[in-house]
Amino acid sequence: MMHSGKLIQTFKERREMMRVTQETLAELAGVGLRTLKQLESGKGNPTLETLQKLADVLGMEISLQIRKTQENK
């Protein structure tokens, strides 16, 4: 499961700063309002596609960093 809590919080802060309602963001991003409300309340497990749609509307860019956590034996 992807940990997206901090990313969603950043999206929420950006949305509020831009004075965009949840309804407007959901409509512009093509994401269900219920889905957006769940995400912003810390529930749900968004797909990368959903995160990208929200980022696009908010004028943000998602950068993923993949790190090797263990040495292969």
C-alpha atoms as a PDB file:
ATOM      1  CA  MET A   1       0.000   0.000   0.000  1.00  0.00           C
ATOM      2  CA  MET A   2       1.282   3.442  -0.919  1.00  0.00           C
ATOM      3  CA  HIS A   3       1.645   5.994   1.845  1.00  0.00           C
ATOM      4  CA  SER A   4       0.116   9.137   0.385  1.00  0.00           C
ATOM      5  CA  GLY A   5      -1.008  10.980   3.522  1.00  0.00           C
ATOM      6  CA  LYS A   6       1.562  13.771   3.347  1.00  0.00           C
ATOM      7  CA  LEU A   7       0.965  14.223  -0.372  1.00  0.00           C
ATOM      8  CA  ILE A   8      -2.806  14.450   0.099  1.00  0.00           C
ATOM      9  CA  GLN A   9      -2.300  16.963   2.929  1.00  0.00           C
ATOM     10  CA  THR A  10      -0.152  19.072   0.592  1.00  0.00           C
ATOM     11  CA  PHE A  11      -2.881  18.882  -2.060  1.00  0.00           C
ATOM     12  CA  LYS A  12      -5.504  19.939   0.496  1.00  0.00           C
ATOM     13  CA  GLU A  13      -3.415  22.914   1.639  1.00  0.00           C
ATOM     14  CA  ARG A  14      -2.851  23.958  -1.982  1.00  0.00           C
ATOM     15  CA  ARG A  15      -6.579  23.618  -2.748  1.00  0.00           C
ATOM     16  CA  GLU A  16      -7.482  25.773   0.255  1.00  0.00           C
ATOM     17  CA  MET A  17      -4.805  28.346  -0.607  1.00  0.00           C
ATOM     18  CA  MET A  18      -6.278  28.592  -4.109  1.00  0.00           C
ATOM     19  CA  ARG A  19      -9.772  28.897  -2.591  1.00  0.00           C
ATOM     20  CA  VAL A  20     -11.020  25.958  -4.634  1.00  0.00           C
ATOM     21  CA  THR A  21     -13.851  23.874  -3.188  1.00  0.00           C
ATOM     22  CA  GLN A  22     -13.694  20.104  -2.998  1.00  0.00           C
ATOM     23  CA  GLU A  23     -16.562  20.003  -5.474  1.00  0.00           C
ATOM     24  CA  THR A  24     -14.697  22.128  -8.020  1.00  0.00           C
ATOM     25  CA  LEU A  25     -11.437  20.217  -7.669  1.00  0.00           C
ATOM     26  CA  ALA A  26     -13.208  16.882  -8.023  1.00  0.00           C
ATOM     27  CA  GLU A  27     -15.032  18.058 -11.137  1.00  0.00           C
ATOM     28  CA  LEU A  28     -11.953  19.571 -12.797  1.00  0.00           C
ATOM     29  CA  ALA A  29      -9.811  16.534 -12.001  1.00  0.00           C
ATOM     30  CA  GLY A  30     -12.427  14.003 -13.054  1.00  0.00           C
ATOM     31  CA  VAL A  31     -12.353  12.434  -9.605  1.00  0.00           C
ATOM     32  CA  GLY A  32     -15.426  11.527  -7.592  1.00  0.00           C
ATOM     33  CA  LEU A  33     -16.329  14.018  -4.864  1.00  0.00           C
ATOM     34  CA  ARG A  34     -16.753  11.174  -2.384  1.00  0.00           C
ATOM     35  CA  THR A  35     -13.281   9.907  -3.285  1.00  0.00           C
ATOM     36  CA  LEU A  36     -11.723  13.334  -2.755  1.00  0.00           C
ATOM     37  CA  LYS A  37     -13.495  13.798   0.585  1.00  0.00           C
ATOM     38  CA  GLN A  38     -12.299  10.377   1.743  1.00  0.00           C
ATOM     39  CA  LEU A  39      -8.729  11.126   0.702  1.00  0.00           C
ATOM     40  CA  GLU A  40      -8.679  14.487   2.456  1.00  0.00           C
ATOM     41  CA  SER A  41     -10.032  12.881   5.624  1.00  0.00           C
ATOM     42  CA  GLY A  42      -7.170  10.370   5.609  1.00  0.00           C
ATOM     43  CA  LYS A  43      -9.101   7.428   4.209  1.00  0.00           C
ATOM     44  CA  GLY A  44      -8.726   5.564   0.961  1.00  0.00           C
ATOM     45  CA  ASN A  45      -5.792   4.432  -1.111  1.00  0.00           C
ATOM     46  CA  PRO A  46      -5.557   6.576  -4.246  1.00  0.00           C
ATOM     47  CA  THR A  47      -4.091   5.314  -7.483  1.00  0.00           C
ATOM     48  CA  LEU A  48      -1.174   7.111  -9.069  1.00  0.00           C
ATOM     49  CA  GLU A  49      -3.596   8.167 -11.797  1.00  0.00           C
ATOM     50  CA  THR A  50      -5.885   9.869  -9.260  1.00  0.00           C
ATOM     51  CA  LEU A  51      -2.946  11.611  -7.596  1.00  0.00           C
ATOM     52  CA  GLN A  52      -1.701  12.810 -10.992  1.00  0.00           C
ATOM     53  CA  LYS A  53      -5.131  14.184 -11.956  1.00  0.00           C
ATOM     54  CA  LEU A  54      -5.319  16.168  -8.710  1.00  0.00           C
ATOM     55  CA  ALA A  55      -1.745  17.422  -9.093  1.00  0.00           C
ATOM     56  CA  ASP A  56      -2.424  18.570 -12.664  1.00  0.00           C
ATOM     57  CA  VAL A  57      -5.429  20.649 -11.650  1.00  0.00           C
ATOM     58  CA  LEU A  58      -3.571  22.123  -8.676  1.00  0.00           C
ATOM     59  CA  GLY A  59      -0.576  23.053 -10.844  1.00  0.00           C
ATOM     60  CA  MET A  60       1.720  20.699  -8.982  1.00  0.00           C
ATOM     61  CA  GLU A  61       4.166  18.010 -10.034  1.00  0.00           C
ATOM     62  CA  ILE A  62       4.578  14.628  -8.390  1.00  0.00           C
ATOM     63  CA  SER A  63       8.078  13.255  -8.173  1.00  0.00           C
ATOM     64  CA  LEU A  64       8.502   9.675  -7.037  1.00  0.00           C
ATOM     65  CA  GLN A  65      11.723   8.430  -5.563  1.00  0.00           C
ATOM     66  CA  ILE A  66      12.330   4.716  -5.439  1.00  0.00           C
ATOM     67  CA  ARG A  67      15.051   3.479  -3.166  1.00  0.00           C
ATOM     68  CA  LYS A  68      16.497   0.081  -2.558  1.00  0.00           C
ATOM     69  CA  THR A  69      15.840  -0.740   1.088  1.00  0.00           C
ATOM     70  CA  GLN A  70      17.684  -4.042   1.416  1.00  0.00           C
ATOM     71  CA  GLU A  71      20.664  -5.637  -0.212  1.00  0.00           C
ATOM     72  CA  ASN A  72      19.832  -8.639  -2.345  1.00  0.00           C
ATOM     73  CA  LYS A  73      21.439 -11.838  -1.069  1.00  0.00           C
END
